[in-house]
Structures are given as structure tokens and as C-alpha cells.
Amino acid sequence: METNKLRVIQDYEKLSNEIKEQIKLVYPEGYSQFLIEFKNKKGETVCALPFETDEKIYMVRMSIKKAKQIIQEDSDYDDEGTLKEHIKEKYEDEYSDIEYLSENENYEEN
């Protein structure tokens, strides 16, 4: 991870659809198990989902409850909270030329 990239803390709802779709490719099993905690500028503990592009390191702010709610309400995910295969294939085709998506794989559960 490069340290000279712009670091952005942003709410999920404020992300572009393109970034949301790319995040789904990196986290096809949902978000809640990948949240990290850190202290913000005010010293408050914040939960966020890490996601890195060529230009930015995103910390997508959300609680565990919110992370589960996002997946539950998103029609791209099935009842078990897994990205539907045809949606995954669509996004993989659409974003196949973006190298940083493979770099985000270190966030995936092994």
C-alpha cells in the first residue's frame, strides 16, 4: 500500500456507483467481516471498510449493522449475502482492465 495516496473517509451512500460495484467484486461475501476500527481526527473510534484505487485509499465508513443491512437490501446479493454469479461476471467484464482490483484481494478472507 502506497503511503502517498490521498486517504478518504467516506460514507457508503456517498460513493459513486462505479466504486460501489468495484467494492462488490473485492468483497463478494459481504462487508461486515472485513470492517476495521481506527481513530478519526476527533479521537473517536470509527468502523470502516478498506478499499484502494490507484489514486485513493478509501475507508468506507459503516457500522457492522449497516454493513449487514447494505448487503441485505442490495439485489446484487442473494439471500445468503453472496454476490450473485451473473452480477459478479458482469462487473468482472466491466472492470477487467482495472489493475488495482487485484491488489485489493489482500483484504479478502482466506
C-alpha atoms as a PDB file:
ATOM      1  CA  MET A   1       0.000   0.000   0.000  1.00  0.00           C
ATOM      2  CA  GLU A   2       1.459   3.332  -1.037  1.00  0.00           C
ATOM      3  CA  THR A   3       1.513   5.974   1.683  1.00  0.00           C
ATOM      4  CA  ASN A   4       1.435   8.992  -0.642  1.00  0.00           C
ATOM      5  CA  LYS A   5      -2.104   8.286  -1.859  1.00  0.00           C
ATOM      6  CA  LEU A   6      -4.972  10.502  -0.817  1.00  0.00           C
ATOM      7  CA  ARG A   7      -6.798   8.937   2.129  1.00  0.00           C
ATOM      8  CA  VAL A   8     -10.546   9.388   2.122  1.00  0.00           C
ATOM      9  CA  ILE A   9     -13.092   8.527   4.803  1.00  0.00           C
ATOM     10  CA  GLN A  10     -16.499   8.413   3.159  1.00  0.00           C
ATOM     11  CA  ASP A  11     -19.959   7.036   3.822  1.00  0.00           C
ATOM     12  CA  TYR A  12     -21.027   4.163   1.547  1.00  0.00           C
ATOM     13  CA  GLU A  13     -24.066   6.093   0.324  1.00  0.00           C
ATOM     14  CA  LYS A  14     -21.853   8.904  -0.989  1.00  0.00           C
ATOM     15  CA  LEU A  15     -19.650   6.653  -3.134  1.00  0.00           C
ATOM     16  CA  SER A  16     -20.083   6.585  -6.903  1.00  0.00           C
ATOM     17  CA  ASN A  17     -21.887   3.569  -8.336  1.00  0.00           C
ATOM     18  CA  GLU A  18     -18.658   2.597 -10.092  1.00  0.00           C
ATOM     19  CA  ILE A  19     -16.738   2.407  -6.802  1.00  0.00           C
ATOM     20  CA  LYS A  20     -19.608   0.512  -5.135  1.00  0.00           C
ATOM     21  CA  GLU A  21     -19.559  -2.065  -7.944  1.00  0.00           C
ATOM     22  CA  GLN A  22     -15.799  -2.469  -7.644  1.00  0.00           C
ATOM     23  CA  ILE A  23     -16.101  -2.916  -3.877  1.00  0.00           C
ATOM     24  CA  LYS A  24     -18.624  -5.692  -4.501  1.00  0.00           C
ATOM     25  CA  LEU A  25     -16.022  -7.522  -6.596  1.00  0.00           C
ATOM     26  CA  VAL A  26     -13.467  -7.279  -3.807  1.00  0.00           C
ATOM     27  CA  TYR A  27     -15.973  -8.259  -1.107  1.00  0.00           C
ATOM     28  CA  PRO A  28     -18.380 -10.718  -2.782  1.00  0.00           C
ATOM     29  CA  GLU A  29     -19.226 -12.349   0.572  1.00  0.00           C
ATOM     30  CA  GLY A  30     -20.341  -9.094   2.192  1.00  0.00           C
ATOM     31  CA  TYR A  31     -18.630  -6.380   4.191  1.00  0.00           C
ATOM     32  CA  SER A  32     -19.200  -6.852   7.925  1.00  0.00           C
ATOM     33  CA  GLN A  33     -16.388  -9.371   8.485  1.00  0.00           C
ATOM     34  CA  PHE A  34     -13.845  -7.043   6.837  1.00  0.00           C
ATOM     35  CA  LEU A  35     -14.517  -3.852   8.798  1.00  0.00           C
ATOM     36  CA  ILE A  36     -11.586  -2.359  10.644  1.00  0.00           C
ATOM     37  CA  GLU A  37     -11.585   0.059  13.555  1.00  0.00           C
ATOM     38  CA  PHE A  38      -9.474   3.193  13.778  1.00  0.00           C
ATOM     39  CA  LYS A  39      -9.473   6.581  15.491  1.00  0.00           C
ATOM     40  CA  ASN A  40     -10.637   9.581  13.472  1.00  0.00           C
ATOM     41  CA  LYS A  41      -9.273  13.141  13.831  1.00  0.00           C
ATOM     42  CA  LYS A  42     -11.521  13.693  16.847  1.00  0.00           C
ATOM     43  CA  GLY A  43     -10.182  10.589  18.576  1.00  0.00           C
ATOM     44  CA  GLU A  44     -13.452   8.706  18.072  1.00  0.00           C
ATOM     45  CA  THR A  45     -13.420   5.028  17.159  1.00  0.00           C
ATOM     46  CA  VAL A  46     -14.803   4.501  13.664  1.00  0.00           C
ATOM     47  CA  CYS A  47     -15.525   1.288  11.721  1.00  0.00           C
ATOM     48  CA  ALA A  48     -14.789   1.269   8.013  1.00  0.00           C
ATOM     49  CA  LEU A  49     -14.270  -0.985   5.031  1.00  0.00           C
ATOM     50  CA  PRO A  50     -10.850  -0.528   3.365  1.00  0.00           C
ATOM     51  CA  PHE A  51     -10.710  -0.166  -0.418  1.00  0.00           C
ATOM     52  CA  GLU A  52      -7.813   1.103  -2.510  1.00  0.00           C
ATOM     53  CA  THR A  53      -7.756   2.574  -6.019  1.00  0.00           C
ATOM     54  CA  ASP A  54      -4.799   3.908  -7.998  1.00  0.00           C
ATOM     55  CA  GLU A  55      -5.375   7.399  -6.600  1.00  0.00           C
ATOM     56  CA  LYS A  56      -7.047   6.922  -3.207  1.00  0.00           C
ATOM     57  CA  ILE A  57      -7.261   4.761  -0.141  1.00  0.00           C
ATOM     58  CA  TYR A  58     -10.897   4.690   0.873  1.00  0.00           C
ATOM     59  CA  MET A  59     -12.104   3.948   4.352  1.00  0.00           C
ATOM     60  CA  VAL A  60     -15.801   3.409   3.738  1.00  0.00           C
ATOM     61  CA  ARG A  61     -17.486   4.330   6.992  1.00  0.00           C
ATOM     62  CA  MET A  62     -20.173   1.910   8.215  1.00  0.00           C
ATOM     63  CA  SER A  63     -21.130   0.000  11.335  1.00  0.00           C
ATOM     64  CA  ILE A  64     -21.418  -3.787  11.381  1.00  0.00           C
ATOM     65  CA  LYS A  65     -25.196  -3.377  11.487  1.00  0.00           C
ATOM     66  CA  LYS A  66     -25.120  -1.013   8.489  1.00  0.00           C
ATOM     67  CA  ALA A  67     -22.782  -3.355   6.560  1.00  0.00           C
ATOM     68  CA  LYS A  68     -25.226  -6.234   7.002  1.00  0.00           C
ATOM     69  CA  GLN A  69     -28.182  -4.002   6.088  1.00  0.00           C
ATOM     70  CA  ILE A  70     -26.490  -2.825   2.862  1.00  0.00           C
ATOM     71  CA  ILE A  71     -25.987  -6.415   1.714  1.00  0.00           C
ATOM     72  CA  GLN A  72     -29.470  -7.495   2.775  1.00  0.00           C
ATOM     73  CA  GLU A  73     -31.117  -4.670   0.825  1.00  0.00           C
ATOM     74  CA  ASP A  74     -28.891  -4.942  -2.275  1.00  0.00           C
ATOM     75  CA  SER A  75     -30.485  -7.001  -5.056  1.00  0.00           C
ATOM     76  CA  ASP A  76     -26.980  -7.858  -6.368  1.00  0.00           C
ATOM     77  CA  TYR A  77     -26.615 -10.217  -3.390  1.00  0.00           C
ATOM     78  CA  ASP A  78     -28.521 -13.445  -2.782  1.00  0.00           C
ATOM     79  CA  ASP A  79     -30.338 -14.439   0.430  1.00  0.00           C
ATOM     80  CA  GLU A  80     -27.098 -15.824   1.877  1.00  0.00           C
ATOM     81  CA  GLY A  81     -25.304 -12.488   1.389  1.00  0.00           C
ATOM     82  CA  THR A  82     -23.172 -13.604  -1.554  1.00  0.00           C
ATOM     83  CA  LEU A  83     -22.782 -11.606  -4.755  1.00  0.00           C
ATOM     84  CA  LYS A  84     -24.901 -13.294  -7.437  1.00  0.00           C
ATOM     85  CA  GLU A  85     -22.749 -15.082 -10.007  1.00  0.00           C
ATOM     86  CA  HIS A  86     -24.215 -13.305 -13.063  1.00  0.00           C
ATOM     87  CA  ILE A  87     -23.673  -9.918 -11.370  1.00  0.00           C
ATOM     88  CA  LYS A  88     -20.109 -10.858 -10.446  1.00  0.00           C
ATOM     89  CA  GLU A  89     -19.400 -11.874 -14.060  1.00  0.00           C
ATOM     90  CA  LYS A  90     -20.933  -8.621 -15.343  1.00  0.00           C
ATOM     91  CA  TYR A  91     -18.748  -6.492 -13.042  1.00  0.00           C
ATOM     92  CA  GLU A  92     -15.650  -8.594 -13.794  1.00  0.00           C
ATOM     93  CA  ASP A  93     -16.181  -7.966 -17.513  1.00  0.00           C
ATOM     94  CA  GLU A  94     -16.877  -4.277 -16.968  1.00  0.00           C
ATOM     95  CA  TYR A  95     -13.819  -3.684 -14.767  1.00  0.00           C
ATOM     96  CA  SER A  96     -11.422  -6.293 -16.203  1.00  0.00           C
ATOM     97  CA  ASP A  97      -8.872  -3.637 -17.182  1.00  0.00           C
ATOM     98  CA  ILE A  98      -8.546  -2.159 -13.675  1.00  0.00           C
ATOM     99  CA  GLU A  99      -5.376  -3.491 -12.070  1.00  0.00           C
ATOM    100  CA  TYR A 100      -5.991  -2.164  -8.560  1.00  0.00           C
ATOM    101  CA  LEU A 101      -8.905  -4.562  -8.084  1.00  0.00           C
ATOM    102  CA  SER A 102      -6.492  -7.492  -7.914  1.00  0.00           C
ATOM    103  CA  GLU A 103      -4.351  -5.508  -5.452  1.00  0.00           C
ATOM    104  CA  ASN A 104      -7.369  -5.281  -3.137  1.00  0.00           C
ATOM    105  CA  GLU A 105      -7.522  -9.061  -2.886  1.00  0.00           C
ATOM    106  CA  ASN A 106      -5.346  -8.921   0.213  1.00  0.00           C
ATOM    107  CA  TYR A 107      -8.467  -7.771   2.032  1.00  0.00           C
ATOM    108  CA  GLU A 108     -10.339 -10.946   1.101  1.00  0.00           C
ATOM    109  CA  GLU A 109     -10.795 -13.718   3.628  1.00  0.00           C
ATOM    110  CA  ASN A 110      -8.530 -16.721   3.101  1.00  0.00           C
END
